[in-house]
Amino acid sequence: MDLAFVLYPNLTALDLIGPYEVLGHQEGVKAHFVAETLEPVTADAGLIITPTVTFDALDRADVIVVPGSGSWQTPLADGVVAAWLRKVHPTATWTTSVCTGSTLLAAAGILDGRPATTHWAVRHALAERGAVVSTDRVVRDGSVVTAAGVSAGIDMALTLVGLIWGDDRAKFTQLVIEYAPEPPYDAGSPETAPAEMVAFARSAVGGFPA
C-alpha cells in the first residue's frame, strides 16, 4: 500500500508527522514524501524534511495525506499541490487532510458539496471554497477524510487505521503510541477557550484571518 505524504514549504510539521507515526508503521505500507522537487522542505517551525519523490514522478497512491500550514494561502495560490491532487485523487483509495490542508483539497475541487472540517480559524475560508463545513474533529465522506487543527491529524489517522485494518489494529496502534491525551487546560477550541484568548490567537497566528 502506497502512502503519499505531501510536502510544501512552511507546512505544519505535526500535521504530517502525527499521521505518519500512526500510518507509517502499519504492515505492508510504503511511505512516499512527495513534493514539487527533491530539495529539502522547511516546515513552519524550522524542521527540515527531505522529499523522496516529486509530484511529476508519483501519479498514484492508495492513501494521500495533505498537511496544513499557518501560511495556507501560499500553497493555495501557487496551485502546484492542487494540480497534483486533481491528478491522483480519482484513483486513490483514501484522500485525507489535516488542518488547513483541507483548503488544498477544496482548491482541487475534491470538497465541492462535501462535508469537511479544518482548523477553526479558517472554517469560513473552506466554506467559501465549496465545502459544507463541520466543526467535528474528524469528518469522513466516502473516500475523503478531513481532520480539524494540527493534533486532530492523529485522530484522523487512527480512524483510517480502523477503516483499513480494523478496529483492533487501530486500538493496538493507539496503545503503542500511548495516545491518551489529558491536556492540562481546557482551551483547545474556540468554544472552550476564553473569548479574549480566541481574539488574540486570531491576530497572533500568522496566515489566519482576524
N, C-alpha and C. Protein backbone atom coordinates (compact mmCIF):
# COMPACT_ATOMS: atom_id res chain seq x y z
N MET A 1 0.85 -1.19 0.00
CA MET A 1 0.00 0.00 0.00
C MET A 1 0.88 1.24 0.00
N ASP A 2 0.67 2.11 -0.98
CA ASP A 2 1.47 3.32 -1.11
C ASP A 2 0.81 4.49 -0.41
N LEU A 3 1.55 5.11 0.50
CA LEU A 3 1.08 6.29 1.23
C LEU A 3 1.85 7.51 0.74
N ALA A 4 1.14 8.54 0.35
CA ALA A 4 1.79 9.77 -0.11
C ALA A 4 1.57 10.87 0.90
N PHE A 5 2.66 11.35 1.51
CA PHE A 5 2.61 12.46 2.44
C PHE A 5 3.10 13.70 1.71
N VAL A 6 2.23 14.68 1.56
CA VAL A 6 2.51 15.85 0.72
C VAL A 6 3.37 16.86 1.47
N LEU A 7 4.43 17.32 0.81
CA LEU A 7 5.32 18.33 1.38
C LEU A 7 5.26 19.61 0.56
N TYR A 8 5.34 20.73 1.26
CA TYR A 8 5.49 22.04 0.61
C TYR A 8 6.06 23.00 1.66
N PRO A 9 6.68 24.10 1.25
CA PRO A 9 7.32 25.00 2.22
C PRO A 9 6.35 25.54 3.26
N ASN A 10 6.82 25.59 4.51
CA ASN A 10 6.07 26.16 5.64
C ASN A 10 4.88 25.33 6.08
N LEU A 11 4.86 24.05 5.72
CA LEU A 11 3.81 23.18 6.26
C LEU A 11 3.98 23.08 7.77
N THR A 12 2.92 22.69 8.46
CA THR A 12 2.98 22.48 9.91
C THR A 12 3.41 21.04 10.17
N ALA A 13 4.53 20.86 10.83
CA ALA A 13 5.15 19.54 10.94
C ALA A 13 4.24 18.49 11.58
N LEU A 14 3.57 18.84 12.67
CA LEU A 14 2.74 17.85 13.36
C LEU A 14 1.58 17.37 12.49
N ASP A 15 1.09 18.23 11.60
CA ASP A 15 0.05 17.80 10.65
C ASP A 15 0.50 16.58 9.85
N LEU A 16 1.79 16.54 9.56
CA LEU A 16 2.36 15.46 8.76
C LEU A 16 2.87 14.32 9.63
N ILE A 17 3.64 14.67 10.67
CA ILE A 17 4.32 13.65 11.47
C ILE A 17 3.34 12.83 12.29
N GLY A 18 2.27 13.46 12.81
CA GLY A 18 1.28 12.69 13.58
C GLY A 18 0.70 11.55 12.76
N PRO A 19 0.11 11.83 11.59
CA PRO A 19 -0.41 10.75 10.75
C PRO A 19 0.67 9.77 10.29
N TYR A 20 1.88 10.27 10.02
CA TYR A 20 2.94 9.37 9.59
C TYR A 20 3.27 8.35 10.68
N GLU A 21 3.38 8.79 11.93
CA GLU A 21 3.70 7.86 13.02
C GLU A 21 2.62 6.82 13.22
N VAL A 22 1.38 7.18 12.94
CA VAL A 22 0.26 6.23 13.07
C VAL A 22 0.20 5.28 11.88
N LEU A 23 0.32 5.83 10.67
CA LEU A 23 0.13 5.03 9.46
C LEU A 23 1.41 4.37 8.97
N GLY A 24 2.54 5.02 9.18
CA GLY A 24 3.79 4.55 8.60
C GLY A 24 4.29 3.24 9.15
N HIS A 25 3.81 2.84 10.32
CA HIS A 25 4.27 1.59 10.94
C HIS A 25 3.34 0.42 10.63
N GLN A 26 2.29 0.63 9.88
CA GLN A 26 1.36 -0.46 9.59
C GLN A 26 1.98 -1.44 8.60
N GLU A 27 1.56 -2.66 8.69
CA GLU A 27 2.13 -3.72 7.86
C GLU A 27 1.81 -3.50 6.38
N GLY A 28 2.82 -3.66 5.54
CA GLY A 28 2.61 -3.63 4.11
C GLY A 28 2.53 -2.25 3.49
N VAL A 29 2.90 -1.19 4.24
CA VAL A 29 2.82 0.16 3.67
C VAL A 29 4.19 0.64 3.23
N LYS A 30 4.16 1.50 2.22
CA LYS A 30 5.37 2.17 1.76
C LYS A 30 5.07 3.66 1.74
N ALA A 31 5.82 4.42 2.52
CA ALA A 31 5.58 5.86 2.63
C ALA A 31 6.41 6.62 1.61
N HIS A 32 5.76 7.56 0.93
CA HIS A 32 6.43 8.45 0.00
C HIS A 32 6.25 9.88 0.50
N PHE A 33 7.31 10.66 0.50
CA PHE A 33 7.22 12.07 0.83
C PHE A 33 7.33 12.84 -0.47
N VAL A 34 6.22 13.36 -0.94
CA VAL A 34 6.12 13.89 -2.30
C VAL A 34 6.08 15.41 -2.28
N ALA A 35 6.85 16.01 -3.16
CA ALA A 35 6.94 17.47 -3.23
C ALA A 35 7.21 17.88 -4.67
N GLU A 36 7.24 19.19 -4.89
CA GLU A 36 7.46 19.69 -6.25
C GLU A 36 8.85 19.32 -6.76
N THR A 37 9.86 19.38 -5.89
CA THR A 37 11.22 18.99 -6.23
C THR A 37 11.76 18.10 -5.12
N LEU A 38 12.99 17.62 -5.31
CA LEU A 38 13.62 16.79 -4.28
C LEU A 38 14.45 17.61 -3.30
N GLU A 39 14.38 18.93 -3.41
CA GLU A 39 15.08 19.79 -2.46
C GLU A 39 14.42 19.69 -1.09
N PRO A 40 15.20 19.73 0.01
CA PRO A 40 14.62 19.68 1.35
C PRO A 40 13.57 20.77 1.55
N VAL A 41 12.53 20.42 2.28
CA VAL A 41 11.43 21.34 2.57
C VAL A 41 11.50 21.74 4.04
N THR A 42 11.39 23.02 4.30
CA THR A 42 11.43 23.52 5.68
C THR A 42 10.03 23.80 6.18
N ALA A 43 9.68 23.15 7.30
CA ALA A 43 8.37 23.35 7.91
C ALA A 43 8.33 24.71 8.61
N ASP A 44 7.14 25.11 9.05
CA ASP A 44 6.96 26.48 9.56
C ASP A 44 7.73 26.77 10.84
N ALA A 45 8.10 25.74 11.59
CA ALA A 45 8.90 25.97 12.80
C ALA A 45 10.35 25.56 12.61
N GLY A 46 10.74 25.29 11.36
CA GLY A 46 12.15 25.06 11.08
C GLY A 46 12.57 23.62 10.83
N LEU A 47 11.71 22.65 11.08
CA LEU A 47 12.05 21.26 10.80
C LEU A 47 12.27 21.08 9.31
N ILE A 48 13.36 20.37 8.95
CA ILE A 48 13.68 20.15 7.54
C ILE A 48 13.34 18.70 7.18
N ILE A 49 12.56 18.54 6.12
CA ILE A 49 12.11 17.22 5.68
C ILE A 49 12.56 17.03 4.23
N THR A 50 13.11 15.86 3.94
CA THR A 50 13.61 15.59 2.60
C THR A 50 12.59 14.78 1.79
N PRO A 51 12.12 15.30 0.69
CA PRO A 51 11.20 14.53 -0.17
C PRO A 51 11.88 13.29 -0.73
N THR A 52 11.08 12.29 -1.05
CA THR A 52 11.61 11.07 -1.67
C THR A 52 11.18 10.93 -3.12
N VAL A 53 10.21 11.75 -3.56
CA VAL A 53 9.70 11.66 -4.92
C VAL A 53 9.04 12.99 -5.27
N THR A 54 8.98 13.29 -6.55
CA THR A 54 8.35 14.55 -6.98
C THR A 54 6.91 14.32 -7.41
N PHE A 55 6.16 15.41 -7.49
CA PHE A 55 4.79 15.33 -7.98
C PHE A 55 4.75 14.76 -9.40
N ASP A 56 5.70 15.12 -10.23
CA ASP A 56 5.73 14.63 -11.60
C ASP A 56 5.96 13.13 -11.68
N ALA A 57 6.72 12.60 -10.71
CA ALA A 57 7.09 11.18 -10.76
C ALA A 57 6.07 10.26 -10.10
N LEU A 58 5.27 10.79 -9.21
CA LEU A 58 4.29 9.95 -8.50
C LEU A 58 2.89 10.27 -9.01
N ASP A 59 2.31 9.35 -9.75
CA ASP A 59 1.00 9.61 -10.35
C ASP A 59 -0.13 8.82 -9.72
N ARG A 60 0.17 8.09 -8.63
CA ARG A 60 -0.89 7.39 -7.91
C ARG A 60 -0.43 7.10 -6.49
N ALA A 61 -1.41 6.91 -5.60
CA ALA A 61 -1.15 6.49 -4.23
C ALA A 61 -2.45 5.93 -3.67
N ASP A 62 -2.33 4.97 -2.78
CA ASP A 62 -3.53 4.41 -2.15
C ASP A 62 -4.09 5.37 -1.11
N VAL A 63 -3.20 6.01 -0.37
CA VAL A 63 -3.60 6.96 0.67
C VAL A 63 -2.81 8.26 0.48
N ILE A 64 -3.51 9.38 0.50
CA ILE A 64 -2.88 10.69 0.36
C ILE A 64 -3.14 11.48 1.64
N VAL A 65 -2.09 12.05 2.21
CA VAL A 65 -2.21 12.87 3.42
C VAL A 65 -1.69 14.27 3.10
N VAL A 66 -2.56 15.27 3.22
CA VAL A 66 -2.20 16.65 2.92
C VAL A 66 -2.19 17.46 4.22
N PRO A 67 -1.02 17.89 4.68
CA PRO A 67 -0.95 18.70 5.90
C PRO A 67 -1.33 20.14 5.63
N GLY A 68 -1.54 20.89 6.69
CA GLY A 68 -1.86 22.30 6.57
C GLY A 68 -0.66 23.17 6.88
N SER A 69 -0.93 24.48 6.98
CA SER A 69 0.11 25.45 7.26
C SER A 69 -0.52 26.72 7.80
N GLY A 70 0.19 27.41 8.68
CA GLY A 70 -0.28 28.72 9.11
C GLY A 70 -0.30 29.71 7.96
N SER A 71 0.57 29.47 6.98
CA SER A 71 0.62 30.32 5.78
C SER A 71 -0.10 29.61 4.63
N TRP A 72 -1.31 29.19 4.90
CA TRP A 72 -2.03 28.31 3.96
C TRP A 72 -2.36 28.97 2.64
N GLN A 73 -2.39 30.31 2.59
CA GLN A 73 -2.71 30.98 1.32
C GLN A 73 -1.63 30.79 0.27
N THR A 74 -0.37 30.57 0.69
CA THR A 74 0.73 30.47 -0.27
C THR A 74 0.62 29.23 -1.15
N PRO A 75 0.54 28.02 -0.59
CA PRO A 75 0.37 26.85 -1.48
C PRO A 75 -0.95 26.87 -2.22
N LEU A 76 -1.94 27.51 -1.63
CA LEU A 76 -3.22 27.64 -2.30
C LEU A 76 -3.08 28.49 -3.56
N ALA A 77 -2.30 29.57 -3.43
CA ALA A 77 -2.14 30.50 -4.54
C ALA A 77 -1.28 29.94 -5.66
N ASP A 78 -0.22 29.17 -5.30
CA ASP A 78 0.66 28.71 -6.39
C ASP A 78 0.06 27.54 -7.16
N GLY A 79 -0.90 26.83 -6.59
CA GLY A 79 -1.67 25.84 -7.33
C GLY A 79 -0.99 24.52 -7.61
N VAL A 80 0.28 24.35 -7.21
CA VAL A 80 1.02 23.15 -7.56
C VAL A 80 0.45 21.91 -6.86
N VAL A 81 0.17 22.03 -5.56
CA VAL A 81 -0.36 20.89 -4.82
C VAL A 81 -1.76 20.54 -5.33
N ALA A 82 -2.60 21.53 -5.54
CA ALA A 82 -3.96 21.29 -6.02
C ALA A 82 -3.94 20.58 -7.38
N ALA A 83 -3.03 20.99 -8.26
CA ALA A 83 -2.94 20.36 -9.58
C ALA A 83 -2.59 18.88 -9.44
N TRP A 84 -1.66 18.55 -8.54
CA TRP A 84 -1.29 17.15 -8.33
C TRP A 84 -2.46 16.37 -7.73
N LEU A 85 -3.17 16.97 -6.79
CA LEU A 85 -4.31 16.30 -6.18
C LEU A 85 -5.39 15.99 -7.21
N ARG A 86 -5.62 16.89 -8.13
CA ARG A 86 -6.61 16.63 -9.18
C ARG A 86 -6.22 15.40 -10.01
N LYS A 87 -4.93 15.18 -10.15
CA LYS A 87 -4.44 14.05 -10.94
C LYS A 87 -4.54 12.72 -10.18
N VAL A 88 -4.20 12.73 -8.89
CA VAL A 88 -4.08 11.46 -8.17
C VAL A 88 -5.33 11.08 -7.37
N HIS A 89 -6.14 12.04 -6.99
CA HIS A 89 -7.31 11.73 -6.17
C HIS A 89 -8.26 10.72 -6.81
N PRO A 90 -8.56 10.81 -8.10
CA PRO A 90 -9.55 9.88 -8.68
C PRO A 90 -9.20 8.41 -8.52
N THR A 91 -7.92 8.06 -8.43
CA THR A 91 -7.55 6.65 -8.30
C THR A 91 -7.11 6.28 -6.88
N ALA A 92 -7.11 7.23 -5.97
CA ALA A 92 -6.71 6.95 -4.59
C ALA A 92 -7.85 6.25 -3.85
N THR A 93 -7.48 5.40 -2.91
CA THR A 93 -8.49 4.76 -2.06
C THR A 93 -8.97 5.72 -0.99
N TRP A 94 -8.02 6.48 -0.44
CA TRP A 94 -8.35 7.47 0.59
C TRP A 94 -7.58 8.76 0.32
N THR A 95 -8.28 9.87 0.36
CA THR A 95 -7.65 11.19 0.27
C THR A 95 -7.96 11.93 1.56
N THR A 96 -6.92 12.39 2.27
CA THR A 96 -7.12 12.97 3.59
C THR A 96 -6.40 14.29 3.73
N SER A 97 -6.83 15.07 4.71
CA SER A 97 -6.15 16.33 5.02
C SER A 97 -6.16 16.56 6.51
N VAL A 98 -5.24 17.40 6.93
CA VAL A 98 -5.17 17.82 8.33
C VAL A 98 -5.13 19.34 8.36
N CYS A 99 -5.90 19.92 9.28
CA CYS A 99 -5.89 21.36 9.48
C CYS A 99 -6.23 22.08 8.18
N THR A 100 -5.46 23.10 7.82
CA THR A 100 -5.77 23.88 6.62
C THR A 100 -5.43 23.15 5.33
N GLY A 101 -4.91 21.93 5.43
CA GLY A 101 -4.72 21.12 4.23
C GLY A 101 -6.03 20.92 3.48
N SER A 102 -7.14 21.05 4.19
CA SER A 102 -8.45 20.92 3.53
C SER A 102 -8.67 21.99 2.48
N THR A 103 -8.05 23.17 2.64
CA THR A 103 -8.22 24.21 1.63
C THR A 103 -7.57 23.79 0.31
N LEU A 104 -6.53 22.97 0.38
CA LEU A 104 -5.89 22.45 -0.83
C LEU A 104 -6.77 21.41 -1.50
N LEU A 105 -7.44 20.58 -0.69
CA LEU A 105 -8.41 19.64 -1.28
C LEU A 105 -9.53 20.42 -1.96
N ALA A 106 -9.98 21.49 -1.31
CA ALA A 106 -11.06 22.30 -1.89
C ALA A 106 -10.60 22.96 -3.19
N ALA A 107 -9.37 23.44 -3.21
CA ALA A 107 -8.85 24.08 -4.42
C ALA A 107 -8.78 23.10 -5.58
N ALA A 108 -8.62 21.82 -5.26
CA ALA A 108 -8.58 20.78 -6.30
C ALA A 108 -9.98 20.33 -6.71
N GLY A 109 -11.01 20.89 -6.07
CA GLY A 109 -12.38 20.51 -6.41
C GLY A 109 -12.87 19.27 -5.71
N ILE A 110 -12.08 18.74 -4.78
CA ILE A 110 -12.41 17.48 -4.11
C ILE A 110 -13.52 17.64 -3.07
N LEU A 111 -13.66 18.83 -2.50
CA LEU A 111 -14.63 19.04 -1.43
C LEU A 111 -15.92 19.73 -1.88
N ASP A 112 -16.13 19.89 -3.16
CA ASP A 112 -17.34 20.56 -3.64
C ASP A 112 -18.59 19.83 -3.13
N GLY A 113 -19.35 20.52 -2.29
CA GLY A 113 -20.58 19.95 -1.75
C GLY A 113 -20.39 18.88 -0.71
N ARG A 114 -19.16 18.63 -0.28
CA ARG A 114 -18.88 17.58 0.71
C ARG A 114 -18.78 18.17 2.12
N PRO A 115 -19.19 17.41 3.13
CA PRO A 115 -18.89 17.82 4.50
C PRO A 115 -17.40 17.66 4.76
N ALA A 116 -16.81 18.63 5.45
CA ALA A 116 -15.38 18.59 5.74
C ALA A 116 -15.10 19.49 6.93
N THR A 117 -13.94 19.26 7.55
CA THR A 117 -13.54 20.08 8.68
C THR A 117 -12.16 20.64 8.44
N THR A 118 -11.76 21.58 9.29
CA THR A 118 -10.48 22.25 9.15
C THR A 118 -10.14 22.94 10.46
N HIS A 119 -9.04 23.67 10.49
CA HIS A 119 -8.72 24.49 11.66
C HIS A 119 -9.83 25.51 11.88
N TRP A 120 -10.16 25.76 13.12
CA TRP A 120 -11.31 26.63 13.44
C TRP A 120 -11.18 28.03 12.84
N ALA A 121 -9.95 28.51 12.66
CA ALA A 121 -9.77 29.88 12.18
C ALA A 121 -10.02 30.04 10.69
N VAL A 122 -10.12 28.94 9.95
CA VAL A 122 -10.34 29.06 8.50
C VAL A 122 -11.60 28.35 8.03
N ARG A 123 -12.52 28.11 8.95
CA ARG A 123 -13.77 27.46 8.55
C ARG A 123 -14.49 28.25 7.47
N HIS A 124 -14.51 29.57 7.61
CA HIS A 124 -15.22 30.39 6.62
C HIS A 124 -14.54 30.31 5.26
N ALA A 125 -13.20 30.24 5.26
CA ALA A 125 -12.46 30.16 4.00
C ALA A 125 -12.74 28.83 3.30
N LEU A 126 -12.89 27.78 4.07
CA LEU A 126 -13.21 26.48 3.48
C LEU A 126 -14.61 26.49 2.90
N ALA A 127 -15.54 27.11 3.62
CA ALA A 127 -16.91 27.21 3.11
C ALA A 127 -16.96 28.00 1.81
N GLU A 128 -16.17 29.05 1.74
CA GLU A 128 -16.12 29.86 0.51
C GLU A 128 -15.61 29.07 -0.68
N ARG A 129 -14.91 27.99 -0.41
CA ARG A 129 -14.34 27.17 -1.47
C ARG A 129 -15.16 25.92 -1.76
N GLY A 130 -16.41 25.92 -1.31
CA GLY A 130 -17.34 24.89 -1.75
C GLY A 130 -17.63 23.75 -0.81
N ALA A 131 -16.95 23.69 0.33
CA ALA A 131 -17.19 22.61 1.28
C ALA A 131 -18.38 22.93 2.19
N VAL A 132 -18.99 21.88 2.72
CA VAL A 132 -20.01 22.02 3.76
C VAL A 132 -19.27 21.84 5.09
N VAL A 133 -18.99 22.93 5.76
CA VAL A 133 -18.04 22.91 6.87
C VAL A 133 -18.67 22.35 8.14
N SER A 134 -17.94 21.43 8.76
CA SER A 134 -18.33 20.82 10.02
C SER A 134 -17.36 21.26 11.11
N THR A 135 -17.83 21.28 12.35
CA THR A 135 -16.95 21.59 13.47
C THR A 135 -16.43 20.31 14.13
N ASP A 136 -16.75 19.16 13.57
CA ASP A 136 -16.28 17.89 14.13
C ASP A 136 -14.76 17.77 13.98
N ARG A 137 -14.17 16.97 14.82
CA ARG A 137 -12.72 16.81 14.82
C ARG A 137 -12.24 16.00 13.62
N VAL A 138 -13.01 15.01 13.23
CA VAL A 138 -12.72 14.20 12.04
C VAL A 138 -14.00 14.01 11.27
N VAL A 139 -13.95 14.21 9.95
CA VAL A 139 -15.14 14.05 9.11
C VAL A 139 -14.80 13.11 7.95
N ARG A 140 -15.62 12.09 7.78
CA ARG A 140 -15.45 11.20 6.64
C ARG A 140 -16.63 11.35 5.71
N ASP A 141 -16.35 11.50 4.42
CA ASP A 141 -17.39 11.49 3.40
C ASP A 141 -16.89 10.63 2.25
N GLY A 142 -17.38 9.41 2.17
CA GLY A 142 -16.89 8.48 1.16
C GLY A 142 -15.41 8.21 1.36
N SER A 143 -14.62 8.46 0.33
CA SER A 143 -13.18 8.18 0.39
C SER A 143 -12.37 9.36 0.88
N VAL A 144 -13.03 10.43 1.30
CA VAL A 144 -12.35 11.64 1.75
C VAL A 144 -12.50 11.79 3.26
N VAL A 145 -11.36 11.96 3.95
CA VAL A 145 -11.37 12.12 5.40
C VAL A 145 -10.59 13.39 5.74
N THR A 146 -11.24 14.30 6.45
CA THR A 146 -10.58 15.54 6.84
C THR A 146 -10.51 15.64 8.36
N ALA A 147 -9.45 16.30 8.83
CA ALA A 147 -9.26 16.49 10.26
C ALA A 147 -9.18 17.97 10.57
N ALA A 148 -9.58 18.33 11.77
CA ALA A 148 -9.51 19.72 12.22
C ALA A 148 -8.05 20.08 12.50
N GLY A 149 -7.81 21.03 13.37
CA GLY A 149 -6.47 21.59 13.51
C GLY A 149 -5.41 20.66 14.07
N VAL A 150 -4.25 20.66 13.45
CA VAL A 150 -2.97 20.10 13.88
C VAL A 150 -3.08 18.75 14.59
N SER A 151 -3.33 18.74 15.90
CA SER A 151 -3.33 17.49 16.66
C SER A 151 -4.41 16.53 16.21
N ALA A 152 -5.45 17.03 15.55
CA ALA A 152 -6.54 16.17 15.08
C ALA A 152 -6.06 15.20 14.01
N GLY A 153 -4.89 15.44 13.43
CA GLY A 153 -4.35 14.51 12.44
C GLY A 153 -4.12 13.13 13.02
N ILE A 154 -3.81 13.04 14.30
CA ILE A 154 -3.63 11.73 14.93
C ILE A 154 -4.96 11.01 15.00
N ASP A 155 -6.02 11.73 15.35
CA ASP A 155 -7.36 11.13 15.39
C ASP A 155 -7.77 10.65 14.00
N MET A 156 -7.48 11.48 12.99
CA MET A 156 -7.81 11.10 11.62
C MET A 156 -7.09 9.83 11.22
N ALA A 157 -5.80 9.76 11.53
CA ALA A 157 -5.01 8.60 11.13
C ALA A 157 -5.47 7.34 11.85
N LEU A 158 -5.82 7.44 13.12
CA LEU A 158 -6.35 6.28 13.84
C LEU A 158 -7.69 5.84 13.24
N THR A 159 -8.52 6.82 12.85
CA THR A 159 -9.77 6.50 12.18
C THR A 159 -9.50 5.72 10.90
N LEU A 160 -8.49 6.15 10.16
CA LEU A 160 -8.13 5.50 8.90
C LEU A 160 -7.60 4.08 9.15
N VAL A 161 -6.80 3.90 10.17
CA VAL A 161 -6.32 2.56 10.51
C VAL A 161 -7.51 1.64 10.77
N GLY A 162 -8.51 2.13 11.50
CA GLY A 162 -9.70 1.33 11.76
C GLY A 162 -10.44 0.96 10.49
N LEU A 163 -10.53 1.91 9.57
CA LEU A 163 -11.24 1.66 8.31
C LEU A 163 -10.50 0.68 7.41
N ILE A 164 -9.17 0.73 7.43
CA ILE A 164 -8.37 -0.12 6.54
C ILE A 164 -8.04 -1.46 7.17
N TRP A 165 -7.57 -1.46 8.40
CA TRP A 165 -7.08 -2.68 9.03
C TRP A 165 -7.98 -3.20 10.15
N GLY A 166 -9.01 -2.45 10.51
CA GLY A 166 -9.94 -2.92 11.54
C GLY A 166 -9.75 -2.24 12.88
N ASP A 167 -10.80 -2.29 13.69
CA ASP A 167 -10.80 -1.60 14.98
C ASP A 167 -9.72 -2.09 15.93
N ASP A 168 -9.48 -3.41 15.94
CA ASP A 168 -8.47 -3.94 16.86
C ASP A 168 -7.09 -3.40 16.54
N ARG A 169 -6.78 -3.29 15.25
CA ARG A 169 -5.48 -2.75 14.87
C ARG A 169 -5.37 -1.27 15.26
N ALA A 170 -6.47 -0.55 15.10
CA ALA A 170 -6.47 0.86 15.48
C ALA A 170 -6.27 1.02 16.99
N LYS A 171 -6.94 0.18 17.76
CA LYS A 171 -6.80 0.24 19.22
C LYS A 171 -5.38 -0.14 19.64
N PHE A 172 -4.82 -1.16 18.97
CA PHE A 172 -3.44 -1.56 19.26
C PHE A 172 -2.48 -0.41 18.97
N THR A 173 -2.68 0.26 17.84
CA THR A 173 -1.82 1.39 17.47
C THR A 173 -1.95 2.51 18.49
N GLN A 174 -3.17 2.80 18.92
CA GLN A 174 -3.39 3.83 19.93
C GLN A 174 -2.65 3.49 21.22
N LEU A 175 -2.67 2.21 21.58
CA LEU A 175 -1.99 1.77 22.79
C LEU A 175 -0.48 1.92 22.65
N VAL A 176 0.06 1.51 21.51
CA VAL A 176 1.51 1.54 21.30
C VAL A 176 2.04 2.97 21.34
N ILE A 177 1.29 3.91 20.76
CA ILE A 177 1.77 5.30 20.79
C ILE A 177 1.31 6.03 22.06
N GLU A 178 0.64 5.29 22.95
CA GLU A 178 0.14 5.83 24.21
C GLU A 178 -0.63 7.13 23.97
N TYR A 179 -1.59 7.04 23.07
CA TYR A 179 -2.39 8.22 22.75
C TYR A 179 -3.60 8.26 23.68
N ALA A 180 -3.41 8.91 24.82
CA ALA A 180 -4.46 9.05 25.83
C ALA A 180 -4.38 10.46 26.39
N PRO A 181 -4.69 11.45 25.57
CA PRO A 181 -4.44 12.85 25.95
C PRO A 181 -5.21 13.30 27.19
N GLU A 182 -4.51 13.99 28.05
CA GLU A 182 -5.10 14.63 29.23
C GLU A 182 -4.55 16.05 29.29
N PRO A 183 -5.02 16.94 28.44
CA PRO A 183 -4.45 18.29 28.40
C PRO A 183 -4.62 19.02 29.73
N PRO A 184 -3.61 19.80 30.10
CA PRO A 184 -3.67 20.50 31.39
C PRO A 184 -4.64 21.67 31.39
N TYR A 185 -5.11 22.08 30.21
CA TYR A 185 -6.04 23.21 30.12
C TYR A 185 -7.19 22.85 29.19
N ASP A 186 -8.32 23.49 29.38
CA ASP A 186 -9.47 23.29 28.52
C ASP A 186 -9.60 24.50 27.61
N ALA A 187 -8.61 24.67 26.74
CA ALA A 187 -8.58 25.84 25.85
C ALA A 187 -8.23 25.43 24.43
N GLY A 188 -8.62 24.21 24.06
CA GLY A 188 -8.21 23.68 22.77
C GLY A 188 -9.13 23.98 21.61
N SER A 189 -10.17 24.75 21.85
CA SER A 189 -11.09 25.11 20.77
C SER A 189 -11.68 26.48 21.08
N PRO A 190 -12.19 27.18 20.06
CA PRO A 190 -12.79 28.49 20.33
C PRO A 190 -14.05 28.40 21.17
N GLU A 191 -14.62 27.20 21.25
CA GLU A 191 -15.82 27.01 22.08
C GLU A 191 -15.49 26.92 23.56
N THR A 192 -14.26 26.53 23.91
CA THR A 192 -13.89 26.35 25.31
C THR A 192 -12.90 27.39 25.82
N ALA A 193 -12.12 27.98 24.93
CA ALA A 193 -11.13 28.98 25.34
C ALA A 193 -11.81 30.31 25.64
N PRO A 194 -11.24 31.14 26.52
CA PRO A 194 -11.80 32.46 26.79
C PRO A 194 -11.86 33.30 25.51
N ALA A 195 -12.89 34.09 25.39
CA ALA A 195 -13.11 34.87 24.17
C ALA A 195 -11.93 35.77 23.84
N GLU A 196 -11.33 36.38 24.88
CA GLU A 196 -10.21 37.28 24.62
C GLU A 196 -8.99 36.52 24.09
N MET A 197 -8.85 35.25 24.51
CA MET A 197 -7.75 34.45 24.02
C MET A 197 -7.98 34.04 22.56
N VAL A 198 -9.22 33.74 22.22
CA VAL A 198 -9.55 33.41 20.83
C VAL A 198 -9.24 34.60 19.94
N ALA A 199 -9.62 35.80 20.37
CA ALA A 199 -9.35 37.00 19.59
C ALA A 199 -7.85 37.22 19.42
N PHE A 200 -7.09 37.01 20.51
CA PHE A 200 -5.64 37.17 20.43
C PHE A 200 -5.03 36.14 19.50
N ALA A 201 -5.51 34.89 19.58
CA ALA A 201 -4.98 33.84 18.72
C ALA A 201 -5.21 34.13 17.25
N ARG A 202 -6.37 34.68 16.94
CA ARG A 202 -6.67 35.03 15.55
C ARG A 202 -5.67 36.06 15.02
N SER A 203 -5.31 37.00 15.87
CA SER A 203 -4.40 38.06 15.42
C SER A 203 -2.95 37.64 15.46
N ALA A 204 -2.63 36.67 16.33
CA ALA A 204 -1.22 36.33 16.55
C ALA A 204 -0.71 35.23 15.65
N VAL A 205 -1.58 34.32 15.20
CA VAL A 205 -1.15 33.19 14.40
C VAL A 205 -1.08 33.62 12.94
N GLY A 206 0.13 33.63 12.40
CA GLY A 206 0.33 34.11 11.04
C GLY A 206 -0.50 33.37 10.01
N GLY A 207 -1.07 34.10 9.08
CA GLY A 207 -1.81 33.49 7.98
C GLY A 207 -3.27 33.33 8.24
N PHE A 208 -3.68 33.30 9.51
CA PHE A 208 -5.09 33.12 9.81
C PHE A 208 -5.80 34.47 9.83
N PRO A 209 -7.03 34.53 9.37
CA PRO A 209 -7.74 35.79 9.32
C PRO A 209 -8.14 36.30 10.70
N ALA A 210 -8.23 37.59 10.82
CA ALA A 210 -8.67 38.17 12.10
C ALA A 210 -10.19 38.13 12.20
